[in-house]
Amino acid sequence: MSDPLSEKQIDGPLSAGRLHRRGMGVAPSPFNAVKFELALIIVGSVLVMLLSFSNTFSAAGQWLLLGGYSVAAALWMVARTGKTLRRLMNRRDAPDLTDGGQKRQ
């Protein structure tokens, strides 16, 4: 049984009855996987930047490595966000974002 003091009901139009535990949490969202992948890409970009500073790459090689990673990461994020958005909009019970979030009829 959970401790009633460790949970509280969040009120408001965006909460939809979620329970909030003490500490930091992420609200349920279909874009949470995309956010996680963005965090991985950011960590990866730091690693690629550190790799590019090694003495084995020329200046052109550094630009090519960083530019290639950046373009690939941007294309990946655009594709994943688009896929998630299409899947969300194709659901029958999904809110229609064009009319203020009302459910489709």
C-alpha atoms as a PDB file:
ATOM      1  CA  MET A   1       0.000   0.000   0.000  1.00  0.00           C
ATOM      2  CA  SER A   2       1.355   3.401  -0.894  1.00  0.00           C
ATOM      3  CA  ASP A   3       1.942   6.172   1.565  1.00  0.00           C
ATOM      4  CA  PRO A   4      -0.744   8.860   1.140  1.00  0.00           C
ATOM      5  CA  LEU A   5       1.778  11.553   2.000  1.00  0.00           C
ATOM      6  CA  SER A   6       4.122  10.540  -0.828  1.00  0.00           C
ATOM      7  CA  GLU A   7       1.495  11.103  -3.525  1.00  0.00           C
ATOM      8  CA  LYS A   8      -0.796  13.996  -4.261  1.00  0.00           C
ATOM      9  CA  GLN A   9      -3.378  14.644  -6.938  1.00  0.00           C
ATOM     10  CA  ILE A  10      -2.439  17.284  -9.487  1.00  0.00           C
ATOM     11  CA  ASP A  11      -5.278  19.540 -10.544  1.00  0.00           C
ATOM     12  CA  GLY A  12      -5.519  21.350 -13.838  1.00  0.00           C
ATOM     13  CA  PRO A  13      -6.458  20.812 -17.466  1.00  0.00           C
ATOM     14  CA  LEU A  14      -3.121  19.262 -18.419  1.00  0.00           C
ATOM     15  CA  SER A  15      -2.886  16.867 -15.494  1.00  0.00           C
ATOM     16  CA  ALA A  16      -5.797  14.553 -16.390  1.00  0.00           C
ATOM     17  CA  GLY A  17      -5.724  12.942 -12.967  1.00  0.00           C
ATOM     18  CA  ARG A  18      -2.036  11.984 -12.885  1.00  0.00           C
ATOM     19  CA  LEU A  19      -0.469  11.122  -9.590  1.00  0.00           C
ATOM     20  CA  HIS A  20       2.662  13.025  -8.722  1.00  0.00           C
ATOM     21  CA  ARG A  21       5.336  11.477  -6.538  1.00  0.00           C
ATOM     22  CA  ARG A  22       7.841  13.537  -4.656  1.00  0.00           C
ATOM     23  CA  GLY A  23      10.871  14.353  -6.735  1.00  0.00           C
ATOM     24  CA  MET A  24      11.299  15.009 -10.386  1.00  0.00           C
ATOM     25  CA  GLY A  25       9.134  13.135 -12.859  1.00  0.00           C
ATOM     26  CA  VAL A  26       8.127  13.281 -16.485  1.00  0.00           C
ATOM     27  CA  ALA A  27       4.489  13.499 -17.462  1.00  0.00           C
ATOM     28  CA  PRO A  28       3.310  10.719 -19.762  1.00  0.00           C
ATOM     29  CA  SER A  29       3.746  11.851 -23.343  1.00  0.00           C
ATOM     30  CA  PRO A  30       4.055  10.116 -26.686  1.00  0.00           C
ATOM     31  CA  PHE A  31       7.171  12.211 -27.260  1.00  0.00           C
ATOM     32  CA  ASN A  32       9.084  10.887 -24.226  1.00  0.00           C
ATOM     33  CA  ALA A  33      10.978   8.404 -26.415  1.00  0.00           C
ATOM     34  CA  VAL A  34      11.949  11.242 -28.759  1.00  0.00           C
ATOM     35  CA  LYS A  35      13.138  13.324 -25.801  1.00  0.00           C
ATOM     36  CA  PHE A  36      15.246  10.411 -24.585  1.00  0.00           C
ATOM     37  CA  GLU A  37      16.791   9.985 -28.032  1.00  0.00           C
ATOM     38  CA  LEU A  38      17.560  13.713 -28.117  1.00  0.00           C
ATOM     39  CA  ALA A  39      19.404  13.362 -24.809  1.00  0.00           C
ATOM     40  CA  LEU A  40      21.420  10.468 -26.258  1.00  0.00           C
ATOM     41  CA  ILE A  41      22.238  12.529 -29.346  1.00  0.00           C
ATOM     42  CA  ILE A  42      23.446  15.418 -27.180  1.00  0.00           C
ATOM     43  CA  VAL A  43      25.695  13.110 -25.159  1.00  0.00           C
ATOM     44  CA  GLY A  44      26.914  11.564 -28.402  1.00  0.00           C
ATOM     45  CA  SER A  45      27.703  14.984 -29.832  1.00  0.00           C
ATOM     46  CA  VAL A  46      29.942  15.765 -26.873  1.00  0.00           C
ATOM     47  CA  LEU A  47      31.763  12.475 -27.432  1.00  0.00           C
ATOM     48  CA  VAL A  48      32.125  13.169 -31.157  1.00  0.00           C
ATOM     49  CA  MET A  49      33.431  16.654 -30.383  1.00  0.00           C
ATOM     50  CA  LEU A  50      36.031  15.232 -28.003  1.00  0.00           C
ATOM     51  CA  LEU A  51      36.996  12.655 -30.634  1.00  0.00           C
ATOM     52  CA  SER A  52      37.367  15.359 -33.262  1.00  0.00           C
ATOM     53  CA  PHE A  53      39.838  17.255 -31.073  1.00  0.00           C
ATOM     54  CA  SER A  54      42.284  14.373 -31.204  1.00  0.00           C
ATOM     55  CA  ASN A  55      45.449  15.002 -33.156  1.00  0.00           C
ATOM     56  CA  THR A  56      44.657  12.326 -35.743  1.00  0.00           C
ATOM     57  CA  PHE A  57      42.106  14.524 -37.585  1.00  0.00           C
ATOM     58  CA  SER A  58      42.943  17.483 -39.777  1.00  0.00           C
ATOM     59  CA  ALA A  59      40.799  20.622 -39.633  1.00  0.00           C
ATOM     60  CA  ALA A  60      38.815  19.413 -42.647  1.00  0.00           C
ATOM     61  CA  GLY A  61      38.373  16.015 -40.995  1.00  0.00           C
ATOM     62  CA  GLN A  62      37.057  17.665 -37.840  1.00  0.00           C
ATOM     63  CA  TRP A  63      34.532  19.708 -39.813  1.00  0.00           C
ATOM     64  CA  LEU A  64      33.469  16.658 -41.786  1.00  0.00           C
ATOM     65  CA  LEU A  65      33.030  14.535 -38.651  1.00  0.00           C
ATOM     66  CA  LEU A  66      31.104  17.183 -36.708  1.00  0.00           C
ATOM     67  CA  GLY A  67      29.033  18.250 -39.706  1.00  0.00           C
ATOM     68  CA  GLY A  68      28.189  14.685 -40.658  1.00  0.00           C
ATOM     69  CA  TYR A  69      27.118  13.823 -37.116  1.00  0.00           C
ATOM     70  CA  SER A  70      25.030  16.988 -36.860  1.00  0.00           C
ATOM     71  CA  VAL A  71      23.227  16.403 -40.158  1.00  0.00           C
ATOM     72  CA  ALA A  72      22.592  12.733 -39.353  1.00  0.00           C
ATOM     73  CA  ALA A  73      21.299  13.603 -35.873  1.00  0.00           C
ATOM     74  CA  ALA A  74      19.011  16.340 -37.213  1.00  0.00           C
ATOM     75  CA  LEU A  75      17.571  14.041 -39.886  1.00  0.00           C
ATOM     76  CA  TRP A  76      17.021  11.307 -37.286  1.00  0.00           C
ATOM     77  CA  MET A  77      15.171  13.673 -34.950  1.00  0.00           C
ATOM     78  CA  VAL A  78      12.982  15.039 -37.767  1.00  0.00           C
ATOM     79  CA  ALA A  79      12.086  11.498 -38.877  1.00  0.00           C
ATOM     80  CA  ARG A  80      11.354  10.230 -35.345  1.00  0.00           C
ATOM     81  CA  THR A  81       9.298  13.291 -34.404  1.00  0.00           C
ATOM     82  CA  GLY A  82       7.312  13.070 -37.624  1.00  0.00           C
ATOM     83  CA  LYS A  83       6.647   9.354 -37.112  1.00  0.00           C
ATOM     84  CA  THR A  84       5.475   9.933 -33.542  1.00  0.00           C
ATOM     85  CA  LEU A  85       3.286  12.858 -34.573  1.00  0.00           C
ATOM     86  CA  ARG A  86       1.699  10.883 -37.437  1.00  0.00           C
ATOM     87  CA  ARG A  87       1.009   7.960 -35.103  1.00  0.00           C
ATOM     88  CA  LEU A  88      -0.548  10.321 -32.561  1.00  0.00           C
ATOM     89  CA  MET A  89      -2.720  12.075 -35.137  1.00  0.00           C
ATOM     90  CA  ASN A  90      -3.917   8.770 -36.621  1.00  0.00           C
ATOM     91  CA  ARG A  91      -5.286   7.540 -33.301  1.00  0.00           C
ATOM     92  CA  ARG A  92      -9.053   7.892 -33.152  1.00  0.00           C
ATOM     93  CA  ASP A  93      -9.129   9.141 -29.555  1.00  0.00           C
ATOM     94  CA  ALA A  94      -6.297  11.610 -30.048  1.00  0.00           C
ATOM     95  CA  PRO A  95      -7.075  15.272 -29.471  1.00  0.00           C
ATOM     96  CA  ASP A  96      -7.290  17.315 -32.661  1.00  0.00           C
ATOM     97  CA  LEU A  97      -4.537  19.904 -32.314  1.00  0.00           C
ATOM     98  CA  THR A  98      -6.190  22.215 -34.835  1.00  0.00           C
ATOM     99  CA  ASP A  99      -9.274  22.971 -32.722  1.00  0.00           C
ATOM    100  CA  GLY A 100      -7.824  23.627 -29.290  1.00  0.00           C
ATOM    101  CA  GLY A 101      -7.337  20.045 -28.164  1.00  0.00           C
ATOM    102  CA  GLN A 102     -10.926  18.795 -28.437  1.00  0.00           C
ATOM    103  CA  LYS A 103     -11.398  15.080 -29.113  1.00  0.00           C
ATOM    104  CA  ARG A 104     -12.294  14.038 -32.629  1.00  0.00           C
ATOM    105  CA  GLN A 105     -15.858  12.968 -33.371  1.00  0.00           C
END
